Amino acid sequence: MHKHRHPTFLRHGRKSVLSASDGVRLAAFCAAMLGILPSCSKADPVGTSPAGSASSSAAPNPNAPPPKTVKRTTSGSIAVSNLNGQIQTLEKGLTAPDPNSKRARFLIDLWMIRAEMAGQLADLEKAAEAAERLPIGDKDPVDNLLTRASVRSAVHLFDASLGDLDEAEKRGAPASKTRSTRVAVLAARGQVAEALTLAQTAAAESPRLESLGVYAVLLSELGRRDEAVKTFREAFDKYTDTSPFPVAWLFFRQGQFWEREGQKDLAIAYYEAAVERVPSYGHAAAHAARFYPPDKAETFLRGLVTSADDPELKSVLAQKLFDKGDRSGAEKLVREAAERYDNLVARHPAAFSDHAAQFWLDAGGDASKALALARQNLTYRKTARSYELAILAAISANDKKAACELGMEGQKAAKLSPIVIDVATGACK
């Protein structure tokens, strides 16, 4: 299966081709977290940070993540355990009467949070199925439409999501209730400037971690570096709750920001700070592990690979095992990740074709399959990163004609990174 390895700049994770909606759409989860999760009863005590973590050593860089002692939050393990308990209780009562679908919406929100914070993509699938079953007749709660719109956005059913938002507003839902999902859809489609305008309004009306965090992400997407740094900091300063989930999400997004800025040490520090707050946060762990030497990455990821069902973790670990010469172990993980990605793409092609394409471009070692999936992803959204992924896949597959054509098309549709433009231009010669 593992046909060939790729040049480092093609294999180095998603820093150049990350889906624009990965963090923005998940801000909807964060927006729900503060209202959904009960106030946590046990904050982490001072001095319990693991050695070598972001909070165990002072960092002179003013942009470094703040230590846990600055804003203590509930132990991530305890928070996830509490989340698991809530979900288990609600799942047991699925057949009980549910006036106004209140419990169903609550459970959907909790599934979405666990999908992100514990790498449980099966929960995302449960949420998607349950959201489609919510009654949305004229006499049903408008909140059902809002919940379905949010979930549809998360699985990249953008037109359907916008349709739900429009209908919700017709039924009286205020713009403040539809705005976060609308921002997520616009950003995912590459309409970042439009998304920024709405996000700025949200941040002004309610300056909280979630609204300011989304605003900072969009500022960074538009290259407004200094404003993004300031707004990320403000988002953290505004946080007054004890749930670790929103803080971990904010740190993860800052890690991505600094990675794009070429600040490797800061990127690692923020990814590690996110995992320090929520140890099960597989997405952040995978990004951090990409920078680690193989042995450290293996130690860091092994537990998460067995507890989560997000194939990205197996993909990253497989790459590291290839690097250390453990071909047998790597190929086992590649087979398992490939099976999971194939299943996800078959069930939710709009949501996972880009992630699957990145997998086949990296650990999967099948550039032709990566190119086919990247082209499929372009049918759902024509963003800069979607084009960049397709161009790099074409180059890796030695399909210069495709790379050239995608490059010309992409430059008309979006703002591509200079290095990808150079690669595509070179393919035209």
Protein backbone atom coordinates (compact mmCIF):
# COMPACT_ATOMS: atom_id res chain seq x y z
CA MET A 1 0.00 0.00 0.00
CA HIS A 2 2.78 2.40 0.90
CA LYS A 3 3.97 3.05 -2.63
CA HIS A 4 6.45 5.86 -2.10
CA ARG A 5 7.49 8.58 0.30
CA HIS A 6 7.06 12.25 -0.45
CA PRO A 7 9.37 15.25 -0.10
CA THR A 8 9.36 16.79 3.36
CA PHE A 9 7.41 19.88 2.35
CA LEU A 10 4.61 17.60 1.14
CA ARG A 11 4.66 15.36 4.18
CA HIS A 12 4.83 17.93 6.97
CA GLY A 13 1.27 17.71 8.15
CA ARG A 14 -1.51 20.13 7.30
CA LYS A 15 0.19 23.43 7.98
CA SER A 16 -0.04 24.50 4.34
CA VAL A 17 -3.27 22.77 3.35
CA LEU A 18 -5.32 22.74 6.51
CA SER A 19 -9.04 23.05 5.98
CA ALA A 20 -10.02 26.64 6.66
CA SER A 21 -13.04 25.49 8.60
CA ASP A 22 -11.26 23.06 10.91
CA GLY A 23 -11.11 25.54 13.76
CA VAL A 24 -13.79 28.01 12.81
CA ARG A 25 -16.59 25.47 12.57
CA LEU A 26 -15.47 24.01 15.89
CA ALA A 27 -15.91 27.39 17.47
CA ALA A 28 -19.59 26.51 17.43
CA PHE A 29 -18.69 23.71 19.84
CA CYS A 30 -16.88 26.19 22.06
CA ALA A 31 -19.80 28.56 21.91
CA ALA A 32 -21.95 25.77 23.26
CA MET A 33 -19.47 24.57 25.86
CA LEU A 34 -19.87 27.43 28.29
CA GLY A 35 -23.64 27.15 28.22
CA ILE A 36 -23.85 23.36 28.13
CA LEU A 37 -21.24 22.08 30.51
CA PRO A 38 -21.86 22.65 34.20
CA SER A 39 -19.38 24.71 36.17
CA CYS A 40 -16.48 22.44 36.98
CA SER A 41 -15.95 21.64 40.61
CA LYS A 42 -12.26 20.86 40.72
CA ALA A 43 -9.59 23.01 39.15
CA ASP A 44 -6.13 21.60 38.65
CA PRO A 45 -3.94 22.30 41.67
CA VAL A 46 -0.87 24.45 41.29
CA GLY A 47 2.29 22.59 40.47
CA THR A 48 0.83 19.50 38.78
CA SER A 49 1.94 20.27 35.24
CA PRO A 50 4.01 17.53 33.59
CA ALA A 51 7.70 18.15 33.26
CA GLY A 52 8.60 19.87 30.07
CA SER A 53 5.07 21.20 29.56
CA ALA A 54 4.18 24.75 28.65
CA SER A 55 3.50 25.64 32.26
CA SER A 56 6.44 23.95 33.94
CA SER A 57 9.13 26.25 32.58
CA ALA A 58 9.12 30.00 32.22
CA ALA A 59 9.25 31.19 28.64
CA PRO A 60 10.76 34.62 27.95
CA ASN A 61 8.84 35.00 24.70
CA PRO A 62 5.89 37.36 25.38
CA ASN A 63 3.82 35.39 22.86
CA ALA A 64 4.30 32.08 24.68
CA PRO A 65 1.21 30.37 26.11
CA PRO A 66 0.35 31.34 29.68
CA PRO A 67 0.99 28.72 32.36
CA LYS A 68 -1.93 26.85 33.89
CA THR A 69 -1.46 28.76 37.10
CA VAL A 70 -2.65 31.93 35.36
CA LYS A 71 -6.13 30.54 34.75
CA ARG A 72 -6.68 27.25 36.45
CA THR A 73 -9.26 25.00 34.85
CA THR A 74 -10.72 21.66 35.72
CA SER A 75 -8.53 18.65 35.07
CA GLY A 76 -9.07 17.67 31.44
CA SER A 77 -9.41 14.03 32.40
CA ILE A 78 -12.10 14.86 34.96
CA ALA A 79 -13.91 17.11 32.48
CA VAL A 80 -13.98 14.36 29.85
CA SER A 81 -15.10 11.83 32.44
CA ASN A 82 -17.96 14.14 33.42
CA LEU A 83 -18.82 14.59 29.74
CA ASN A 84 -18.87 10.83 29.26
CA GLY A 85 -21.22 10.46 32.21
CA GLN A 86 -23.63 13.06 30.86
CA ILE A 87 -23.67 11.42 27.45
CA GLN A 88 -24.21 7.95 28.91
CA THR A 89 -27.15 9.16 30.96
CA LEU A 90 -28.78 10.92 28.02
CA GLU A 91 -28.21 7.98 25.68
CA LYS A 92 -30.04 5.69 28.11
CA GLY A 93 -33.05 7.97 27.95
CA LEU A 94 -33.26 8.27 24.17
CA THR A 95 -36.57 6.39 24.03
CA ALA A 96 -38.20 8.46 26.79
CA PRO A 97 -40.64 11.28 25.93
CA ASP A 98 -38.75 14.41 24.92
CA PRO A 99 -41.02 17.47 24.75
CA ASN A 100 -39.63 20.10 22.38
CA SER A 101 -36.60 17.85 21.62
CA LYS A 102 -34.67 19.54 24.41
CA ARG A 103 -32.78 16.43 25.53
CA ALA A 104 -32.02 15.44 21.94
CA ARG A 105 -30.45 18.83 21.22
CA PHE A 106 -28.46 18.65 24.44
CA LEU A 107 -27.12 15.21 23.57
CA ILE A 108 -26.20 16.32 20.05
CA ASP A 109 -24.22 19.23 21.48
CA LEU A 110 -22.38 16.92 23.89
CA TRP A 111 -21.55 14.45 21.12
CA MET A 112 -20.09 17.31 19.09
CA ILE A 113 -17.90 18.41 21.99
CA ARG A 114 -16.60 14.89 22.63
CA ALA A 115 -15.91 14.37 18.94
CA GLU A 116 -13.52 17.31 19.06
CA MET A 117 -12.06 17.01 22.54
CA ALA A 118 -11.62 13.24 22.66
CA GLY A 119 -11.14 12.37 18.99
CA GLN A 120 -14.40 10.41 18.84
CA LEU A 121 -15.56 10.86 15.26
CA ALA A 122 -18.27 8.26 15.84
CA ASP A 123 -19.91 10.91 17.99
CA LEU A 124 -19.89 13.35 15.08
CA GLU A 125 -21.65 10.72 13.00
CA LYS A 126 -24.20 10.14 15.76
CA ALA A 127 -24.82 13.87 15.99
CA ALA A 128 -25.28 14.13 12.22
CA GLU A 129 -27.83 11.31 12.18
CA ALA A 130 -29.71 12.62 15.22
CA ALA A 131 -29.82 16.17 13.88
CA GLU A 132 -31.54 14.96 10.72
CA ARG A 133 -34.23 13.31 12.87
CA LEU A 134 -35.14 16.49 14.76
CA PRO A 135 -38.71 17.59 13.98
CA ILE A 136 -38.74 20.93 12.18
CA GLY A 137 -42.42 21.57 11.50
CA ASP A 138 -43.93 25.01 11.93
CA LYS A 139 -44.94 24.16 15.50
CA ASP A 140 -41.56 22.69 16.46
CA PRO A 141 -38.89 24.75 18.29
CA VAL A 142 -36.73 26.96 16.09
CA ASP A 143 -33.78 25.67 18.14
CA ASN A 144 -34.14 22.39 16.25
CA LEU A 145 -33.29 24.22 13.03
CA LEU A 146 -30.35 25.96 14.67
CA THR A 147 -28.95 22.68 15.98
CA ARG A 148 -29.34 20.98 12.62
CA ALA A 149 -27.69 23.92 10.87
CA SER A 150 -24.69 23.74 13.18
CA VAL A 151 -24.23 19.99 12.66
CA ARG A 152 -24.71 20.28 8.91
CA SER A 153 -22.01 22.94 8.85
CA ALA A 154 -19.68 20.63 10.78
CA VAL A 155 -20.08 17.89 8.16
CA HIS A 156 -19.76 20.46 5.34
CA LEU A 157 -23.35 20.37 4.12
CA PHE A 158 -23.09 24.09 3.62
CA ASP A 159 -26.10 24.84 1.42
CA ALA A 160 -28.36 22.84 3.69
CA SER A 161 -26.93 24.58 6.74
CA LEU A 162 -27.55 28.03 5.29
CA GLY A 163 -31.07 26.97 4.35
CA ASP A 164 -31.76 26.04 7.97
CA LEU A 165 -30.37 29.36 9.19
CA ASP A 166 -32.51 31.32 6.75
CA GLU A 167 -35.60 29.40 7.79
CA ALA A 168 -34.78 29.90 11.47
CA GLU A 169 -34.55 33.65 10.94
CA LYS A 170 -37.88 33.65 9.11
CA ARG A 171 -39.37 31.98 12.18
CA GLY A 172 -38.03 34.68 14.45
CA ALA A 173 -34.54 33.56 15.44
CA PRO A 174 -32.36 36.63 16.03
CA ALA A 175 -29.16 37.10 14.03
CA SER A 176 -27.17 36.61 17.23
CA LYS A 177 -28.32 32.97 17.26
CA THR A 178 -27.53 32.22 13.62
CA ARG A 179 -24.31 34.21 13.32
CA SER A 180 -21.73 31.70 14.60
CA THR A 181 -22.82 28.96 12.21
CA ARG A 182 -23.09 31.42 9.34
CA VAL A 183 -19.51 32.55 10.06
CA ALA A 184 -18.35 28.92 10.00
CA VAL A 185 -19.95 28.26 6.61
CA LEU A 186 -18.60 31.45 5.03
CA ALA A 187 -15.08 30.78 6.30
CA ALA A 188 -15.19 27.15 5.16
CA ARG A 189 -16.11 28.31 1.68
CA GLY A 190 -13.23 30.76 1.56
CA GLN A 191 -15.40 33.84 2.05
CA VAL A 192 -13.20 34.93 4.92
CA ALA A 193 -13.72 38.68 4.58
CA GLU A 194 -17.48 38.24 4.82
CA ALA A 195 -17.07 35.88 7.75
CA LEU A 196 -14.81 38.40 9.47
CA THR A 197 -17.45 41.12 9.29
CA LEU A 198 -19.98 38.93 11.07
CA ALA A 199 -17.40 37.70 13.57
CA GLN A 200 -16.40 41.26 14.38
CA THR A 201 -20.03 42.08 15.15
CA ALA A 202 -20.30 39.04 17.41
CA ALA A 203 -17.10 39.93 19.25
CA ALA A 204 -18.28 43.50 19.77
CA GLU A 205 -21.71 42.44 21.04
CA SER A 206 -20.41 39.71 23.33
CA PRO A 207 -16.63 39.83 23.87
CA ARG A 208 -16.04 36.32 25.22
CA LEU A 209 -13.43 33.66 24.55
CA GLU A 210 -15.45 31.95 21.85
CA SER A 211 -16.43 35.07 19.88
CA LEU A 212 -13.00 36.70 20.19
CA GLY A 213 -11.27 33.40 19.41
CA VAL A 214 -13.15 33.04 16.13
CA TYR A 215 -12.45 36.67 15.29
CA ALA A 216 -8.72 36.11 15.93
CA VAL A 217 -8.70 33.02 13.72
CA LEU A 218 -10.22 34.97 10.84
CA LEU A 219 -7.84 37.89 11.31
CA SER A 220 -4.97 35.43 11.02
CA GLU A 221 -6.49 33.90 7.89
CA LEU A 222 -6.40 37.36 6.29
CA GLY A 223 -2.78 37.95 7.28
CA ARG A 224 -3.56 40.57 9.94
CA ARG A 225 -0.91 39.16 12.25
CA ASP A 226 -0.61 41.79 14.96
CA GLU A 227 -4.37 42.13 15.33
CA ALA A 228 -4.71 38.37 15.53
CA VAL A 229 -2.08 38.08 18.27
CA LYS A 230 -3.76 40.84 20.28
CA THR A 231 -7.23 39.31 19.86
CA PHE A 232 -6.07 35.80 20.80
CA ARG A 233 -4.64 37.27 24.00
CA GLU A 234 -7.83 39.20 24.69
CA ALA A 235 -9.89 36.05 24.18
CA PHE A 236 -7.91 34.23 26.85
CA ASP A 237 -8.06 37.19 29.23
CA LYS A 238 -11.87 37.30 28.96
CA TYR A 239 -12.29 33.70 30.07
CA THR A 240 -13.77 33.30 33.56
CA ASP A 241 -15.09 29.72 33.58
CA THR A 242 -13.27 26.59 34.72
CA SER A 243 -14.03 24.23 31.82
CA PRO A 244 -10.75 23.37 30.04
CA PHE A 245 -12.34 22.75 26.65
CA PRO A 246 -12.59 26.32 25.29
CA VAL A 247 -9.07 27.14 26.50
CA ALA A 248 -7.65 24.03 24.83
CA TRP A 249 -9.41 24.92 21.58
CA LEU A 250 -8.03 28.47 21.72
CA PHE A 251 -4.49 27.21 22.32
CA PHE A 252 -4.78 24.75 19.46
CA ARG A 253 -5.79 27.50 17.08
CA GLN A 254 -2.88 29.64 18.27
CA GLY A 255 -0.58 26.72 17.60
CA GLN A 256 -1.82 26.58 14.02
CA PHE A 257 -1.37 30.33 13.70
CA TRP A 258 2.25 30.25 14.85
CA GLU A 259 2.97 27.21 12.70
CA ARG A 260 1.83 29.13 9.62
CA GLU A 261 4.01 32.02 10.77
CA GLY A 262 7.00 29.69 10.76
CA GLN A 263 7.45 29.91 14.54
CA LYS A 264 8.03 26.25 15.29
CA ASP A 265 8.80 26.60 19.00
CA LEU A 266 5.70 28.69 19.66
CA ALA A 267 3.55 26.30 17.64
CA ILE A 268 4.76 23.32 19.68
CA ALA A 269 4.29 25.24 22.93
CA TYR A 270 0.65 26.02 22.14
CA TYR A 271 -0.13 22.51 20.92
CA GLU A 272 1.37 21.10 24.11
CA ALA A 273 -0.52 23.67 26.20
CA ALA A 274 -3.76 22.49 24.58
CA VAL A 275 -2.98 18.86 25.39
CA GLU A 276 -1.94 19.85 28.89
CA ARG A 277 -5.41 21.28 29.47
CA VAL A 278 -7.17 18.32 27.81
CA PRO A 279 -4.93 15.22 27.48
CA SER A 280 -7.45 13.48 25.18
CA TYR A 281 -7.30 16.32 22.63
CA GLY A 282 -6.03 14.15 19.80
CA HIS A 283 -6.12 16.83 17.11
CA ALA A 284 -3.70 19.02 19.07
CA ALA A 285 -1.55 16.03 20.00
CA ALA A 286 -1.23 14.99 16.37
CA HIS A 287 -0.05 18.45 15.36
CA ALA A 288 2.51 18.56 18.15
CA ALA A 289 3.77 15.05 17.40
CA ARG A 290 4.57 15.98 13.81
CA PHE A 291 7.44 18.06 15.16
CA TYR A 292 8.75 15.37 17.51
CA PRO A 293 11.45 12.79 16.82
CA PRO A 294 9.95 9.33 16.26
CA ASP A 295 10.46 7.89 19.74
CA LYS A 296 8.94 10.90 21.50
CA ALA A 297 6.03 11.00 19.04
CA GLU A 298 5.33 7.31 19.63
CA THR A 299 5.25 7.78 23.40
CA PHE A 300 3.05 10.85 23.01
CA LEU A 301 0.48 9.24 20.69
CA ARG A 302 0.25 5.58 21.68
CA GLY A 303 -2.46 6.01 24.29
CA LEU A 304 -4.53 8.30 22.10
CA VAL A 305 -4.35 5.93 19.15
CA THR A 306 -6.09 3.26 21.20
CA SER A 307 -8.66 5.53 22.88
CA ALA A 308 -9.76 7.68 19.91
CA ASP A 309 -11.17 6.74 16.52
CA ASP A 310 -9.80 9.72 14.60
CA PRO A 311 -7.57 8.18 11.89
CA GLU A 312 -5.35 11.27 11.84
CA LEU A 313 -3.63 9.98 14.97
CA LYS A 314 -2.76 6.66 13.34
CA SER A 315 -1.62 8.48 10.23
CA VAL A 316 0.82 10.68 12.13
CA LEU A 317 2.14 7.79 14.22
CA ALA A 318 2.55 5.64 11.11
CA GLN A 319 4.65 8.37 9.52
CA LYS A 320 6.88 8.46 12.59
CA LEU A 321 7.24 4.68 12.61
CA PHE A 322 8.26 4.78 8.95
CA ASP A 323 10.86 7.39 9.90
CA LYS A 324 12.35 5.16 12.61
CA GLY A 325 12.37 2.09 10.36
CA ASP A 326 9.46 0.20 11.92
CA ARG A 327 7.84 -0.59 8.58
CA SER A 328 5.68 -3.42 9.91
CA GLY A 329 4.17 -1.30 12.69
CA ALA A 330 3.69 1.63 10.34
CA GLU A 331 1.95 -0.39 7.65
CA LYS A 332 -0.46 -1.86 10.21
CA LEU A 333 -1.48 1.63 11.28
CA VAL A 334 -1.76 2.76 7.65
CA ARG A 335 -4.14 -0.12 6.88
CA GLU A 336 -6.29 0.74 9.89
CA ALA A 337 -6.32 4.46 9.08
CA ALA A 338 -7.08 3.77 5.42
CA GLU A 339 -10.07 1.63 6.32
CA ARG A 340 -11.42 4.32 8.64
CA TYR A 341 -10.89 7.12 6.11
CA ASP A 342 -12.57 5.10 3.37
CA ASN A 343 -15.56 4.56 5.66
CA LEU A 344 -15.76 8.24 6.63
CA VAL A 345 -15.51 9.42 3.02
CA ALA A 346 -18.22 6.99 1.94
CA ARG A 347 -20.57 8.26 4.66
CA HIS A 348 -19.59 11.95 4.76
CA PRO A 349 -17.69 12.81 1.56
CA ALA A 350 -18.01 16.57 1.95
CA ALA A 351 -16.52 16.50 5.44
CA PHE A 352 -13.67 14.04 5.00
CA SER A 353 -12.46 14.02 1.41
CA ASP A 354 -9.82 16.67 2.21
CA HIS A 355 -8.59 14.87 5.33
CA ALA A 356 -8.46 11.57 3.47
CA ALA A 357 -6.57 13.21 0.60
CA GLN A 358 -3.98 14.51 3.06
CA PHE A 359 -3.65 11.02 4.55
CA TRP A 360 -2.99 9.40 1.17
CA LEU A 361 -0.53 12.15 0.34
CA ASP A 362 1.34 11.52 3.60
CA ALA A 363 1.42 8.17 5.39
CA GLY A 364 -0.88 6.43 2.89
CA GLY A 365 1.65 6.90 0.11
CA ASP A 366 -0.84 6.92 -2.78
CA ALA A 367 -0.66 10.29 -4.51
CA SER A 368 -3.08 9.30 -7.26
CA LYS A 369 -5.78 8.52 -4.71
CA ALA A 370 -4.92 11.74 -2.90
CA LEU A 371 -5.42 13.70 -6.12
CA ALA A 372 -8.78 12.08 -6.80
CA LEU A 373 -9.98 12.94 -3.29
CA ALA A 374 -8.59 16.46 -3.49
CA ARG A 375 -10.50 16.99 -6.75
CA GLN A 376 -13.60 15.66 -5.04
CA ASN A 377 -13.06 18.14 -2.22
CA LEU A 378 -12.95 20.99 -4.75
CA THR A 379 -16.50 20.17 -5.78
CA TYR A 380 -17.61 21.09 -2.26
CA ARG A 381 -15.52 24.22 -1.72
CA LYS A 382 -13.04 26.10 -3.81
CA THR A 383 -10.83 27.61 -1.10
CA ALA A 384 -7.14 28.40 -1.30
CA ARG A 385 -6.22 25.41 0.83
CA SER A 386 -8.42 23.09 -1.21
CA TYR A 387 -6.56 24.11 -4.36
CA GLU A 388 -3.19 23.88 -2.61
CA LEU A 389 -3.93 20.33 -1.51
CA ALA A 390 -4.95 19.34 -5.03
CA ILE A 391 -1.88 20.98 -6.60
CA LEU A 392 0.53 19.28 -4.21
CA ALA A 393 -1.21 15.95 -4.78
CA ALA A 394 -0.89 16.40 -8.54
CA ILE A 395 2.81 17.20 -8.25
CA SER A 396 3.38 14.18 -6.02
CA ALA A 397 1.49 12.02 -8.53
CA ASN A 398 3.75 13.39 -11.32
CA ASP A 399 0.71 14.82 -13.07
CA LYS A 400 2.15 18.16 -14.20
CA LYS A 401 -0.75 18.88 -16.51
CA ALA A 402 -3.22 18.64 -13.63
CA ALA A 403 -0.98 20.71 -11.36
CA CYS A 404 -0.71 23.43 -13.99
CA GLU A 405 -4.45 23.53 -14.67
CA LEU A 406 -5.31 23.50 -10.97
CA GLY A 407 -2.80 26.26 -10.36
CA MET A 408 -4.29 28.52 -13.01
CA GLU A 409 -7.82 27.83 -11.83
CA GLY A 410 -6.86 28.27 -8.18
CA GLN A 411 -5.21 31.65 -8.72
CA LYS A 412 -8.43 32.94 -10.23
CA ALA A 413 -10.58 31.59 -7.42
CA ALA A 414 -8.49 32.19 -4.30
CA LYS A 415 -5.27 33.58 -2.85
CA LEU A 416 -2.75 30.75 -3.03
CA SER A 417 0.48 30.68 -1.05
CA PRO A 418 3.58 31.84 -2.99
CA ILE A 419 5.34 28.47 -2.72
CA VAL A 420 2.36 26.62 -4.21
CA ILE A 421 2.06 29.18 -7.01
CA ASP A 422 5.73 28.60 -7.82
CA VAL A 423 5.19 24.84 -7.84
CA ALA A 424 2.15 25.12 -10.12
CA THR A 425 3.89 27.59 -12.42
CA GLY A 426 6.87 25.26 -12.70
CA ALA A 427 4.52 22.44 -13.69
CA CYS A 428 3.28 24.52 -16.64
CA LYS A 429 6.74 24.72 -18.22
